[in-house]
Structure formats: C-alpha cells, structure tokens
Amino acid sequence: MELAVDRVEPDQLAALAERMSPLAMAGERILPVSEAFADLFAERGLVRGRTLACSGPAATSLALALVAPAVTAGSWLATIDVPTVGLDAACEFGVALERVVAVRTNPSGRESERADRWPDVVAAAADGFDLLITRVPVDVSPAAVRKVTTRLRQRDVVMVVLGDPGVLSCDGVLAAGGAHWTGLGDGYGHLQRRRLLVEASGRRLHGRRRCRLALPG
C-alpha cells in the first residue's frame, strides 16, 4: 500500500512543488522532533539543510518516528522510492498523511534508470517539501550527489536516507539496534511494541549520543 493519498510521477513533481513552495518553505530553522530524539541533537531538533542517514533493521520505522512531529506541525514530506512505507505504519507513528506525497523515479523498475533520474527528482522535490525520505541509488555519481546536497542546503530541506548512503556524505547517522519486542507471551499474544537502542554519530553530531526509543509494532 502506498503511503500517500496521491502518488506523483517525476514529471508532475515540479508543478506540485511550485504550488506548495510558499507554504512549505516558511517554517522555522529547526524542525521539531519527539522528546525521545531531542537529546541526540545539540539543537534538539532537525536543522534545515542537513542530511541524515537511518541504518539498521528498523531504519524505515526510525525515519518515520523522526519526521512525524515535523509533519504534524505543518511540514510537507516526500518519500522517494520507498515502497515499503505503508498507510498503517505511517498512521501508527502519527504522520499526517494529508501532507505526504510518494514519488517513484523509475516506473519501469530499472535500477540504472533510477540512478539517472534520482538527482533531478530530489532537486525538484527540494523546491516544495521540507522533508525527504529516500534511498540513494547504488550507481549514482559523486558529482550528482554533490549537486543534490547543494540544492538541499539552498532550499533548507532535511533529507533522511534509508540504509547505506553510498557516496553521499551525511551530516549524521542514526543507527538502530538491540530491538526488544513486547506483547508476545509463551505461545500466545501478538507483537505490540519494540524498544530500540538508537546511537547518533557524525560530523554534525558531536560525540556519540544514545537514546532508548519505543516504536509501535
């Protein structure tokens, strides 16, 4: 199931971003995060223009939990080539679905096409969205990545990368591990919640900071 109510193709994205831009780019310099994440950042929020990576087996859930408060506060989110994000999961994290748009760069499914189109799609999304969640194509060129990061800084957009960022140099990495599930008994019950140990590190996240995070099942 797609995350967004409306899915758009790359050729529609520029027009959509232009229409949303006056509202989307009028926010504060720091986008809010939940109290569970606040201690991971010196600014206690997401600094516009920066790129973060979420790694580990719960990377997608971690990214949703990270951006949910900002979307609830009025920011717009674009997910780019993240088909694993669904409506039910997003709702559990409190993401306001009416401010989320899902984009795919390679309708044909060819990975080479995605590597070619991804930089332009991300750059177009940066014109109208406050937050992006995406995966970096394996074969994308370093020059294209530098163009993307420059555009993100110019437009004050926060991008969250799922998994390996490849040639993209991120400002910080949030690694989730040590998952512990609750709700499952001895032969009965169902998985309700999981607790993760999240460790933050990177050039913009001085030192190593940790927090315990509870996520919906």
N, C-alpha and C. Protein backbone atom coordinates (compact mmCIF):
# COMPACT_ATOMS: atom_id res chain seq x y z
N MET A 1 0.84 -1.19 0.00
CA MET A 1 0.00 0.00 0.00
C MET A 1 0.87 1.24 0.00
N GLU A 2 0.52 2.18 -0.82
CA GLU A 2 1.30 3.41 -0.90
C GLU A 2 1.04 4.29 0.32
N LEU A 3 2.07 5.01 0.71
CA LEU A 3 1.95 5.91 1.86
C LEU A 3 1.00 7.06 1.59
N ALA A 4 1.17 7.71 0.47
CA ALA A 4 0.44 8.95 0.23
C ALA A 4 -0.92 8.69 -0.38
N VAL A 5 -1.84 9.62 -0.14
CA VAL A 5 -3.14 9.57 -0.79
C VAL A 5 -2.96 9.72 -2.30
N ASP A 6 -2.05 10.59 -2.72
CA ASP A 6 -1.77 10.81 -4.13
C ASP A 6 -0.32 10.46 -4.41
N ARG A 7 -0.12 9.60 -5.42
CA ARG A 7 1.23 9.29 -5.87
C ARG A 7 1.50 10.11 -7.11
N VAL A 8 2.69 10.67 -7.20
CA VAL A 8 3.01 11.51 -8.36
C VAL A 8 4.22 10.94 -9.07
N GLU A 9 4.29 11.19 -10.35
CA GLU A 9 5.43 10.81 -11.16
C GLU A 9 6.40 11.99 -11.23
N PRO A 10 7.67 11.74 -11.58
CA PRO A 10 8.67 12.82 -11.59
C PRO A 10 8.28 14.03 -12.43
N ASP A 11 7.61 13.80 -13.57
CA ASP A 11 7.28 14.93 -14.43
C ASP A 11 6.17 15.80 -13.84
N GLN A 12 5.46 15.31 -12.84
CA GLN A 12 4.43 16.09 -12.16
C GLN A 12 4.96 16.80 -10.93
N LEU A 13 6.15 16.40 -10.49
CA LEU A 13 6.65 16.86 -9.20
C LEU A 13 6.98 18.34 -9.19
N ALA A 14 7.59 18.85 -10.25
CA ALA A 14 7.97 20.26 -10.29
C ALA A 14 6.77 21.18 -10.14
N ALA A 15 5.67 20.85 -10.83
CA ALA A 15 4.48 21.67 -10.74
C ALA A 15 3.88 21.61 -9.34
N LEU A 16 3.89 20.43 -8.74
CA LEU A 16 3.36 20.28 -7.39
C LEU A 16 4.21 21.05 -6.39
N ALA A 17 5.52 20.94 -6.51
CA ALA A 17 6.42 21.63 -5.59
C ALA A 17 6.28 23.14 -5.70
N GLU A 18 6.11 23.63 -6.92
CA GLU A 18 5.95 25.08 -7.12
C GLU A 18 4.68 25.58 -6.44
N ARG A 19 3.62 24.79 -6.49
CA ARG A 19 2.36 25.20 -5.89
C ARG A 19 2.44 25.20 -4.36
N MET A 20 3.23 24.28 -3.79
CA MET A 20 3.32 24.15 -2.35
C MET A 20 4.40 25.03 -1.75
N SER A 21 5.36 25.49 -2.53
CA SER A 21 6.55 26.15 -2.02
C SER A 21 6.28 27.31 -1.07
N PRO A 22 5.34 28.24 -1.33
CA PRO A 22 5.16 29.36 -0.42
C PRO A 22 4.81 28.94 1.00
N LEU A 23 4.12 27.80 1.15
CA LEU A 23 3.75 27.34 2.48
C LEU A 23 4.84 26.48 3.08
N ALA A 24 5.41 25.58 2.26
CA ALA A 24 6.33 24.59 2.79
C ALA A 24 7.62 25.22 3.29
N MET A 25 8.09 26.28 2.65
CA MET A 25 9.39 26.82 2.99
C MET A 25 9.32 27.96 4.01
N ALA A 26 8.17 28.14 4.63
CA ALA A 26 8.02 29.26 5.55
C ALA A 26 8.24 28.87 7.01
N GLY A 27 8.79 27.68 7.26
CA GLY A 27 8.93 27.20 8.62
C GLY A 27 10.14 27.76 9.35
N GLU A 28 10.33 27.26 10.56
CA GLU A 28 11.47 27.68 11.37
C GLU A 28 12.74 26.98 10.91
N ARG A 29 13.87 27.47 11.40
CA ARG A 29 15.16 26.88 11.04
C ARG A 29 15.30 25.47 11.60
N ILE A 30 14.72 25.22 12.77
CA ILE A 30 14.80 23.91 13.40
C ILE A 30 13.42 23.26 13.35
N LEU A 31 13.34 22.06 12.79
CA LEU A 31 12.09 21.32 12.75
C LEU A 31 11.98 20.44 13.99
N PRO A 32 10.80 20.34 14.58
CA PRO A 32 10.67 19.62 15.85
C PRO A 32 10.83 18.11 15.72
N VAL A 33 11.31 17.50 16.80
CA VAL A 33 11.35 16.04 16.94
C VAL A 33 10.72 15.70 18.27
N SER A 34 10.46 14.42 18.48
CA SER A 34 9.89 14.00 19.76
C SER A 34 10.93 14.10 20.86
N GLU A 35 10.47 14.11 22.10
CA GLU A 35 11.39 14.20 23.24
C GLU A 35 12.39 13.05 23.25
N ALA A 36 11.96 11.88 22.75
CA ALA A 36 12.85 10.73 22.72
C ALA A 36 14.09 10.99 21.87
N PHE A 37 13.95 11.79 20.81
CA PHE A 37 15.06 12.09 19.90
C PHE A 37 15.82 13.35 20.29
N ALA A 38 15.22 14.23 21.06
CA ALA A 38 15.77 15.58 21.26
C ALA A 38 17.20 15.57 21.77
N ASP A 39 17.53 14.67 22.69
CA ASP A 39 18.87 14.66 23.27
C ASP A 39 19.94 14.19 22.29
N LEU A 40 19.54 13.63 21.15
CA LEU A 40 20.52 13.19 20.16
C LEU A 40 21.11 14.37 19.39
N PHE A 41 20.41 15.49 19.40
CA PHE A 41 20.82 16.65 18.61
C PHE A 41 21.13 17.83 19.53
N ALA A 42 22.25 18.48 19.27
CA ALA A 42 22.61 19.65 20.08
C ALA A 42 21.54 20.73 19.98
N GLU A 43 20.90 20.81 18.82
CA GLU A 43 19.86 21.82 18.59
C GLU A 43 18.48 21.33 19.05
N ARG A 44 18.41 20.07 19.50
CA ARG A 44 17.17 19.45 19.97
C ARG A 44 16.09 19.43 18.87
N GLY A 45 16.53 19.29 17.63
CA GLY A 45 15.61 19.22 16.51
C GLY A 45 16.38 19.00 15.23
N LEU A 46 15.66 18.96 14.12
CA LEU A 46 16.27 18.74 12.81
C LEU A 46 16.64 20.09 12.19
N VAL A 47 17.90 20.27 11.89
CA VAL A 47 18.39 21.52 11.30
C VAL A 47 18.16 21.47 9.80
N ARG A 48 17.48 22.48 9.28
CA ARG A 48 17.21 22.53 7.84
C ARG A 48 18.52 22.56 7.04
N GLY A 49 18.50 21.90 5.89
CA GLY A 49 19.67 21.86 5.04
C GLY A 49 20.60 20.70 5.30
N ARG A 50 20.32 19.89 6.30
CA ARG A 50 21.19 18.78 6.64
C ARG A 50 20.63 17.45 6.13
N THR A 51 21.53 16.47 6.00
CA THR A 51 21.17 15.14 5.55
C THR A 51 21.55 14.13 6.63
N LEU A 52 20.59 13.28 6.98
CA LEU A 52 20.81 12.25 7.98
C LEU A 52 20.58 10.88 7.36
N ALA A 53 21.23 9.88 7.91
CA ALA A 53 21.00 8.50 7.47
C ALA A 53 20.46 7.69 8.64
N CYS A 54 19.50 6.82 8.35
CA CYS A 54 18.98 5.88 9.34
C CYS A 54 19.38 4.48 8.91
N SER A 55 20.05 3.76 9.78
CA SER A 55 20.54 2.44 9.43
C SER A 55 20.04 1.41 10.44
N GLY A 56 20.24 0.14 10.10
CA GLY A 56 19.81 -0.93 10.98
C GLY A 56 18.52 -1.57 10.50
N PRO A 57 18.08 -2.64 11.15
CA PRO A 57 16.89 -3.37 10.71
C PRO A 57 15.59 -2.58 10.82
N ALA A 58 15.58 -1.50 11.61
CA ALA A 58 14.38 -0.69 11.79
C ALA A 58 14.55 0.70 11.18
N ALA A 59 15.33 0.80 10.10
CA ALA A 59 15.65 2.11 9.53
C ALA A 59 14.41 2.88 9.09
N THR A 60 13.47 2.20 8.43
CA THR A 60 12.27 2.89 7.95
C THR A 60 11.42 3.38 9.11
N SER A 61 11.23 2.53 10.11
CA SER A 61 10.46 2.93 11.29
C SER A 61 11.13 4.09 12.02
N LEU A 62 12.44 4.03 12.10
CA LEU A 62 13.19 5.10 12.76
C LEU A 62 13.01 6.42 12.03
N ALA A 63 13.05 6.39 10.70
CA ALA A 63 12.87 7.61 9.91
C ALA A 63 11.48 8.19 10.09
N LEU A 64 10.45 7.34 10.08
CA LEU A 64 9.08 7.82 10.28
C LEU A 64 8.91 8.46 11.64
N ALA A 65 9.45 7.81 12.67
CA ALA A 65 9.34 8.37 14.02
C ALA A 65 10.08 9.70 14.11
N LEU A 66 11.17 9.83 13.37
CA LEU A 66 11.97 11.05 13.41
C LEU A 66 11.24 12.24 12.81
N VAL A 67 10.56 12.04 11.67
CA VAL A 67 9.95 13.16 10.95
C VAL A 67 8.50 13.42 11.35
N ALA A 68 7.87 12.49 12.04
CA ALA A 68 6.43 12.61 12.34
C ALA A 68 6.06 13.91 13.04
N PRO A 69 6.77 14.36 14.09
CA PRO A 69 6.38 15.61 14.75
C PRO A 69 6.44 16.82 13.82
N ALA A 70 7.42 16.87 12.91
CA ALA A 70 7.52 18.00 11.99
C ALA A 70 6.36 18.01 11.01
N VAL A 71 5.96 16.83 10.52
CA VAL A 71 4.82 16.75 9.61
C VAL A 71 3.54 17.15 10.34
N THR A 72 3.40 16.70 11.57
CA THR A 72 2.23 17.07 12.36
C THR A 72 2.18 18.58 12.59
N ALA A 73 3.34 19.21 12.71
CA ALA A 73 3.41 20.66 12.94
C ALA A 73 3.18 21.48 11.68
N GLY A 74 3.08 20.80 10.52
CA GLY A 74 2.76 21.53 9.30
C GLY A 74 3.72 21.36 8.15
N SER A 75 4.84 20.65 8.35
CA SER A 75 5.79 20.45 7.27
C SER A 75 5.26 19.43 6.27
N TRP A 76 5.77 19.50 5.03
CA TRP A 76 5.42 18.56 3.98
C TRP A 76 6.55 17.56 3.80
N LEU A 77 6.16 16.30 3.55
CA LEU A 77 7.12 15.20 3.40
C LEU A 77 6.93 14.52 2.06
N ALA A 78 8.05 14.28 1.36
CA ALA A 78 8.03 13.47 0.14
C ALA A 78 8.85 12.21 0.39
N THR A 79 8.29 11.05 0.09
CA THR A 79 9.04 9.81 0.12
C THR A 79 9.39 9.46 -1.32
N ILE A 80 10.65 9.22 -1.58
CA ILE A 80 11.13 8.99 -2.94
C ILE A 80 11.71 7.58 -3.03
N ASP A 81 11.04 6.73 -3.79
CA ASP A 81 11.47 5.34 -3.96
C ASP A 81 11.53 4.59 -2.64
N VAL A 82 10.48 4.71 -1.83
CA VAL A 82 10.40 3.97 -0.57
C VAL A 82 9.08 3.20 -0.56
N PRO A 83 8.96 2.14 -1.35
CA PRO A 83 7.69 1.42 -1.45
C PRO A 83 7.30 0.66 -0.20
N THR A 84 8.25 0.48 0.74
CA THR A 84 7.95 -0.30 1.95
C THR A 84 7.17 0.49 2.98
N VAL A 85 7.02 1.80 2.80
CA VAL A 85 6.27 2.61 3.75
C VAL A 85 4.78 2.52 3.41
N GLY A 86 3.96 2.15 4.38
CA GLY A 86 2.53 1.99 4.15
C GLY A 86 1.68 2.90 5.01
N LEU A 87 0.41 2.99 4.68
CA LEU A 87 -0.52 3.86 5.40
C LEU A 87 -0.64 3.49 6.86
N ASP A 88 -0.80 2.19 7.14
CA ASP A 88 -0.99 1.76 8.53
C ASP A 88 0.21 2.12 9.38
N ALA A 89 1.41 1.85 8.85
CA ALA A 89 2.62 2.15 9.61
C ALA A 89 2.75 3.64 9.85
N ALA A 90 2.49 4.44 8.82
CA ALA A 90 2.60 5.89 8.97
C ALA A 90 1.63 6.43 10.01
N CYS A 91 0.40 5.92 10.00
CA CYS A 91 -0.60 6.36 10.98
C CYS A 91 -0.17 6.02 12.39
N GLU A 92 0.43 4.84 12.58
CA GLU A 92 0.86 4.44 13.92
C GLU A 92 1.92 5.40 14.47
N PHE A 93 2.71 5.97 13.58
CA PHE A 93 3.75 6.91 14.02
C PHE A 93 3.22 8.34 14.12
N GLY A 94 1.96 8.55 13.80
CA GLY A 94 1.38 9.88 13.91
C GLY A 94 1.66 10.78 12.74
N VAL A 95 2.05 10.22 11.59
CA VAL A 95 2.33 11.04 10.41
C VAL A 95 1.01 11.53 9.81
N ALA A 96 0.92 12.83 9.55
CA ALA A 96 -0.28 13.41 8.94
C ALA A 96 -0.25 13.11 7.44
N LEU A 97 -1.05 12.14 7.00
CA LEU A 97 -0.97 11.65 5.63
C LEU A 97 -1.35 12.70 4.59
N GLU A 98 -2.15 13.68 4.98
CA GLU A 98 -2.55 14.70 4.00
C GLU A 98 -1.40 15.60 3.60
N ARG A 99 -0.26 15.50 4.28
CA ARG A 99 0.90 16.31 3.93
C ARG A 99 2.08 15.43 3.48
N VAL A 100 1.74 14.26 2.93
CA VAL A 100 2.76 13.32 2.46
C VAL A 100 2.48 12.94 1.01
N VAL A 101 3.53 12.95 0.20
CA VAL A 101 3.41 12.55 -1.21
C VAL A 101 4.48 11.51 -1.50
N ALA A 102 4.09 10.43 -2.16
CA ALA A 102 5.03 9.37 -2.55
C ALA A 102 5.43 9.55 -4.00
N VAL A 103 6.72 9.46 -4.27
CA VAL A 103 7.26 9.64 -5.62
C VAL A 103 8.13 8.44 -5.97
N ARG A 104 8.05 8.01 -7.20
CA ARG A 104 8.96 6.96 -7.67
C ARG A 104 9.69 7.47 -8.90
N THR A 105 11.00 7.23 -8.92
CA THR A 105 11.81 7.75 -10.01
C THR A 105 11.90 6.80 -11.19
N ASN A 106 11.64 5.52 -10.96
CA ASN A 106 11.82 4.54 -12.03
C ASN A 106 10.57 3.68 -12.20
N PRO A 107 9.53 4.20 -12.83
CA PRO A 107 8.31 3.42 -13.04
C PRO A 107 8.58 2.10 -13.76
N SER A 108 9.62 2.05 -14.59
CA SER A 108 9.93 0.82 -15.33
C SER A 108 10.57 -0.23 -14.45
N GLY A 109 11.09 0.19 -13.29
CA GLY A 109 11.74 -0.76 -12.39
C GLY A 109 13.22 -0.96 -12.65
N ARG A 110 13.78 -0.32 -13.67
CA ARG A 110 15.20 -0.48 -13.97
C ARG A 110 16.05 0.37 -13.04
N GLU A 111 17.01 -0.26 -12.36
CA GLU A 111 17.84 0.45 -11.39
C GLU A 111 18.72 1.50 -12.07
N SER A 112 19.18 1.22 -13.29
CA SER A 112 20.02 2.19 -13.99
C SER A 112 19.23 3.46 -14.28
N GLU A 113 17.95 3.32 -14.58
CA GLU A 113 17.11 4.49 -14.82
C GLU A 113 16.94 5.30 -13.54
N ARG A 114 16.83 4.61 -12.42
CA ARG A 114 16.68 5.30 -11.15
C ARG A 114 17.92 6.13 -10.83
N ALA A 115 19.11 5.57 -11.06
CA ALA A 115 20.34 6.30 -10.78
C ALA A 115 20.44 7.56 -11.62
N ASP A 116 19.94 7.50 -12.85
CA ASP A 116 20.00 8.66 -13.74
C ASP A 116 19.00 9.74 -13.33
N ARG A 117 17.81 9.33 -12.87
CA ARG A 117 16.74 10.29 -12.62
C ARG A 117 16.68 10.78 -11.18
N TRP A 118 17.24 10.01 -10.26
CA TRP A 118 17.12 10.33 -8.83
C TRP A 118 17.61 11.75 -8.50
N PRO A 119 18.78 12.20 -8.97
CA PRO A 119 19.22 13.55 -8.59
C PRO A 119 18.24 14.64 -9.01
N ASP A 120 17.68 14.54 -10.21
CA ASP A 120 16.74 15.56 -10.68
C ASP A 120 15.44 15.52 -9.90
N VAL A 121 14.98 14.32 -9.55
CA VAL A 121 13.74 14.19 -8.78
C VAL A 121 13.91 14.78 -7.38
N VAL A 122 15.03 14.48 -6.74
CA VAL A 122 15.29 15.03 -5.40
C VAL A 122 15.41 16.54 -5.46
N ALA A 123 16.08 17.05 -6.47
CA ALA A 123 16.23 18.50 -6.61
C ALA A 123 14.88 19.17 -6.81
N ALA A 124 14.00 18.54 -7.60
CA ALA A 124 12.66 19.10 -7.81
C ALA A 124 11.85 19.07 -6.52
N ALA A 125 11.95 17.98 -5.78
CA ALA A 125 11.21 17.87 -4.51
C ALA A 125 11.69 18.90 -3.50
N ALA A 126 12.97 19.24 -3.56
CA ALA A 126 13.52 20.23 -2.62
C ALA A 126 12.90 21.61 -2.79
N ASP A 127 12.30 21.86 -3.94
CA ASP A 127 11.68 23.17 -4.18
C ASP A 127 10.36 23.35 -3.41
N GLY A 128 9.77 22.25 -2.94
CA GLY A 128 8.47 22.42 -2.31
C GLY A 128 8.23 21.63 -1.04
N PHE A 129 9.17 20.78 -0.64
CA PHE A 129 8.97 19.95 0.55
C PHE A 129 10.01 20.30 1.61
N ASP A 130 9.59 20.21 2.86
CA ASP A 130 10.51 20.46 3.97
C ASP A 130 11.35 19.24 4.30
N LEU A 131 10.78 18.04 4.06
CA LEU A 131 11.41 16.79 4.46
C LEU A 131 11.37 15.79 3.31
N LEU A 132 12.45 15.04 3.15
CA LEU A 132 12.50 13.97 2.16
C LEU A 132 12.98 12.70 2.84
N ILE A 133 12.37 11.58 2.49
CA ILE A 133 12.87 10.26 2.88
C ILE A 133 13.13 9.49 1.60
N THR A 134 14.34 8.95 1.46
CA THR A 134 14.70 8.29 0.21
C THR A 134 15.79 7.27 0.44
N ARG A 135 16.11 6.55 -0.63
CA ARG A 135 17.28 5.67 -0.68
C ARG A 135 18.20 6.18 -1.79
N VAL A 136 19.49 6.12 -1.55
CA VAL A 136 20.45 6.58 -2.55
C VAL A 136 20.75 5.44 -3.51
N PRO A 137 20.57 5.65 -4.82
CA PRO A 137 20.88 4.60 -5.80
C PRO A 137 22.35 4.19 -5.73
N VAL A 138 22.59 2.92 -5.96
CA VAL A 138 23.95 2.40 -5.87
C VAL A 138 24.87 3.05 -6.89
N ASP A 139 24.38 3.27 -8.09
CA ASP A 139 25.23 3.72 -9.19
C ASP A 139 25.21 5.24 -9.41
N VAL A 140 24.65 6.00 -8.49
CA VAL A 140 24.60 7.45 -8.68
C VAL A 140 26.02 8.01 -8.59
N SER A 141 26.31 9.03 -9.39
CA SER A 141 27.66 9.57 -9.45
C SER A 141 27.93 10.55 -8.30
N PRO A 142 29.18 10.65 -7.86
CA PRO A 142 29.52 11.63 -6.81
C PRO A 142 29.17 13.05 -7.21
N ALA A 143 29.34 13.39 -8.50
CA ALA A 143 29.01 14.75 -8.95
C ALA A 143 27.53 15.04 -8.80
N ALA A 144 26.69 14.05 -9.12
CA ALA A 144 25.25 14.22 -8.98
C ALA A 144 24.86 14.37 -7.52
N VAL A 145 25.53 13.63 -6.64
CA VAL A 145 25.24 13.71 -5.21
C VAL A 145 25.62 15.08 -4.67
N ARG A 146 26.74 15.62 -5.10
CA ARG A 146 27.14 16.96 -4.66
C ARG A 146 26.12 18.01 -5.10
N LYS A 147 25.58 17.84 -6.28
CA LYS A 147 24.55 18.75 -6.77
C LYS A 147 23.31 18.67 -5.89
N VAL A 148 22.95 17.46 -5.48
CA VAL A 148 21.78 17.27 -4.63
C VAL A 148 21.98 17.93 -3.27
N THR A 149 23.10 17.67 -2.63
CA THR A 149 23.33 18.23 -1.29
C THR A 149 23.39 19.76 -1.32
N THR A 150 23.94 20.32 -2.39
CA THR A 150 23.95 21.78 -2.53
C THR A 150 22.54 22.32 -2.63
N ARG A 151 21.68 21.65 -3.39
CA ARG A 151 20.30 22.08 -3.54
C ARG A 151 19.55 21.99 -2.22
N LEU A 152 19.79 20.93 -1.47
CA LEU A 152 19.13 20.76 -0.18
C LEU A 152 19.50 21.90 0.78
N ARG A 153 20.77 22.28 0.79
CA ARG A 153 21.19 23.38 1.66
C ARG A 153 20.58 24.70 1.21
N GLN A 154 20.54 24.92 -0.09
CA GLN A 154 19.97 26.16 -0.62
C GLN A 154 18.50 26.28 -0.27
N ARG A 155 17.78 25.17 -0.30
CA ARG A 155 16.34 25.17 -0.06
C ARG A 155 15.95 24.86 1.38
N ASP A 156 16.96 24.65 2.24
CA ASP A 156 16.69 24.38 3.66
C ASP A 156 15.83 23.14 3.86
N VAL A 157 16.18 22.08 3.17
CA VAL A 157 15.42 20.84 3.24
C VAL A 157 16.19 19.80 4.05
N VAL A 158 15.48 19.05 4.89
CA VAL A 158 16.07 17.94 5.62
C VAL A 158 15.82 16.66 4.84
N MET A 159 16.88 15.92 4.52
CA MET A 159 16.74 14.65 3.83
C MET A 159 17.19 13.52 4.74
N VAL A 160 16.36 12.50 4.83
CA VAL A 160 16.66 11.31 5.62
C VAL A 160 16.86 10.14 4.65
N VAL A 161 18.05 9.56 4.69
CA VAL A 161 18.39 8.45 3.80
C VAL A 161 18.22 7.14 4.55
N LEU A 162 17.59 6.17 3.90
CA LEU A 162 17.42 4.85 4.49
C LEU A 162 18.56 3.94 4.04
N GLY A 163 19.19 3.27 5.00
CA GLY A 163 20.23 2.32 4.65
C GLY A 163 21.54 2.99 4.28
N ASP A 164 22.30 2.33 3.41
CA ASP A 164 23.63 2.78 3.03
C ASP A 164 23.54 4.04 2.17
N PRO A 165 24.13 5.16 2.60
CA PRO A 165 24.09 6.38 1.79
C PRO A 165 25.06 6.37 0.61
N GLY A 166 25.91 5.36 0.52
CA GLY A 166 26.83 5.26 -0.60
C GLY A 166 27.80 6.43 -0.65
N VAL A 167 27.85 7.11 -1.80
CA VAL A 167 28.80 8.21 -1.98
C VAL A 167 28.32 9.50 -1.32
N LEU A 168 27.12 9.49 -0.79
CA LEU A 168 26.59 10.68 -0.12
C LEU A 168 27.19 10.81 1.27
N SER A 169 27.79 11.94 1.56
CA SER A 169 28.35 12.21 2.88
C SER A 169 27.29 12.87 3.75
N CYS A 170 26.82 12.14 4.75
CA CYS A 170 25.73 12.62 5.60
C CYS A 170 26.27 13.44 6.77
N ASP A 171 25.43 14.33 7.27
CA ASP A 171 25.79 15.12 8.44
C ASP A 171 25.71 14.31 9.73
N GLY A 172 24.91 13.27 9.72
CA GLY A 172 24.77 12.44 10.89
C GLY A 172 24.16 11.09 10.53
N VAL A 173 24.42 10.11 11.37
CA VAL A 173 23.87 8.76 11.18
C VAL A 173 23.19 8.33 12.45
N LEU A 174 21.96 7.84 12.31
CA LEU A 174 21.22 7.27 13.43
C LEU A 174 21.13 5.77 13.19
N ALA A 175 21.78 5.00 14.05
CA ALA A 175 21.83 3.55 13.92
C ALA A 175 20.96 2.91 14.98
N ALA A 176 20.02 2.08 14.56
CA ALA A 176 19.11 1.42 15.49
C ALA A 176 19.50 -0.05 15.64
N GLY A 177 19.52 -0.52 16.87
CA GLY A 177 19.85 -1.91 17.13
C GLY A 177 19.30 -2.35 18.47
N GLY A 178 19.59 -3.58 18.84
CA GLY A 178 19.15 -4.09 20.14
C GLY A 178 17.65 -4.10 20.31
N ALA A 179 16.92 -4.50 19.27
CA ALA A 179 15.46 -4.48 19.33
C ALA A 179 14.94 -5.50 20.35
N HIS A 180 13.98 -5.05 21.12
CA HIS A 180 13.31 -5.93 22.10
C HIS A 180 11.81 -5.77 21.94
N TRP A 181 11.13 -6.86 21.62
CA TRP A 181 9.69 -6.82 21.37
C TRP A 181 8.91 -7.11 22.64
N THR A 182 7.73 -6.48 22.76
CA THR A 182 6.81 -6.76 23.86
C THR A 182 5.46 -7.17 23.30
N GLY A 183 4.72 -7.93 24.10
CA GLY A 183 3.38 -8.34 23.70
C GLY A 183 3.25 -9.80 23.35
N LEU A 184 4.38 -10.50 23.20
CA LEU A 184 4.34 -11.90 22.83
C LEU A 184 4.61 -12.77 24.05
N GLY A 185 3.63 -13.60 24.41
CA GLY A 185 3.77 -14.48 25.56
C GLY A 185 4.29 -15.84 25.15
N ASP A 186 4.15 -16.80 26.04
CA ASP A 186 4.61 -18.16 25.80
C ASP A 186 3.55 -18.90 24.99
N GLY A 187 3.63 -18.73 23.66
CA GLY A 187 2.68 -19.40 22.79
C GLY A 187 1.38 -18.64 22.59
N TYR A 188 1.33 -17.38 22.98
CA TYR A 188 0.11 -16.60 22.81
C TYR A 188 0.48 -15.13 22.65
N GLY A 189 -0.54 -14.29 22.38
CA GLY A 189 -0.34 -12.85 22.28
C GLY A 189 0.07 -12.44 20.87
N HIS A 190 0.43 -11.15 20.72
CA HIS A 190 0.90 -10.64 19.45
C HIS A 190 1.88 -9.50 19.70
N LEU A 191 2.74 -9.25 18.72
CA LEU A 191 3.75 -8.21 18.86
C LEU A 191 3.08 -6.83 18.89
N GLN A 192 3.36 -6.08 19.94
CA GLN A 192 2.71 -4.78 20.12
C GLN A 192 3.67 -3.61 19.99
N ARG A 193 4.84 -3.73 20.60
CA ARG A 193 5.80 -2.63 20.58
C ARG A 193 7.20 -3.21 20.56
N ARG A 194 8.13 -2.39 20.12
CA ARG A 194 9.53 -2.77 20.21
C ARG A 194 10.34 -1.59 20.71
N ARG A 195 11.33 -1.92 21.50
CA ARG A 195 12.23 -0.90 22.03
C ARG A 195 13.58 -1.05 21.33
N LEU A 196 14.14 0.08 20.92
CA LEU A 196 15.40 0.09 20.21
C LEU A 196 16.41 0.97 20.94
N LEU A 197 17.66 0.60 20.79
CA LEU A 197 18.75 1.47 21.23
C LEU A 197 19.22 2.23 19.99
N VAL A 198 19.09 3.56 20.01
CA VAL A 198 19.47 4.40 18.87
C VAL A 198 20.74 5.16 19.22
N GLU A 199 21.73 5.03 18.35
CA GLU A 199 23.01 5.72 18.55
C GLU A 199 23.22 6.71 17.43
N ALA A 200 23.52 7.96 17.77
CA ALA A 200 23.72 9.02 16.79
C ALA A 200 25.19 9.40 16.74
N SER A 201 25.71 9.54 15.52
CA SER A 201 27.10 9.95 15.34
C SER A 201 27.22 10.69 14.02
N GLY A 202 28.35 11.36 13.82
CA GLY A 202 28.56 12.05 12.55
C GLY A 202 29.22 13.39 12.75
N ARG A 203 29.56 14.04 11.63
CA ARG A 203 30.31 15.28 11.68
C ARG A 203 29.53 16.43 12.30
N ARG A 204 28.19 16.39 12.20
CA ARG A 204 27.37 17.45 12.79
C ARG A 204 26.76 17.03 14.13
N LEU A 205 27.01 15.79 14.52
CA LEU A 205 26.51 15.28 15.80
C LEU A 205 27.73 14.94 16.64
N HIS A 206 28.20 15.89 17.41
CA HIS A 206 29.46 15.75 18.10
C HIS A 206 29.38 14.67 19.17
N GLY A 207 30.40 13.79 19.17
CA GLY A 207 30.40 12.69 20.11
C GLY A 207 29.39 11.63 19.72
N ARG A 208 29.17 10.69 20.57
CA ARG A 208 28.17 9.65 20.33
C ARG A 208 27.07 9.78 21.38
N ARG A 209 25.86 9.92 20.90
CA ARG A 209 24.72 10.07 21.80
C ARG A 209 23.79 8.89 21.61
N ARG A 210 23.15 8.47 22.69
CA ARG A 210 22.27 7.31 22.62
C ARG A 210 20.93 7.63 23.27
N CYS A 211 19.92 6.92 22.82
CA CYS A 211 18.62 7.03 23.47
C CYS A 211 17.88 5.70 23.29
N ARG A 212 16.92 5.45 24.15
CA ARG A 212 16.03 4.31 24.02
C ARG A 212 14.74 4.79 23.40
N LEU A 213 14.27 4.08 22.39
CA LEU A 213 13.10 4.52 21.66
C LEU A 213 12.08 3.39 21.59
N ALA A 214 10.84 3.70 21.92
CA ALA A 214 9.74 2.73 21.79
C ALA A 214 8.97 2.99 20.51
N LEU A 215 8.84 1.98 19.69
CA LEU A 215 8.15 2.10 18.41
C LEU A 215 6.94 1.18 18.39
N PRO A 216 5.87 1.57 17.67
CA PRO A 216 4.72 0.68 17.53
C PRO A 216 5.10 -0.57 16.76
N GLY A 217 4.37 -1.65 17.02
CA GLY A 217 4.67 -2.91 16.37
C GLY A 217 4.34 -2.93 14.92
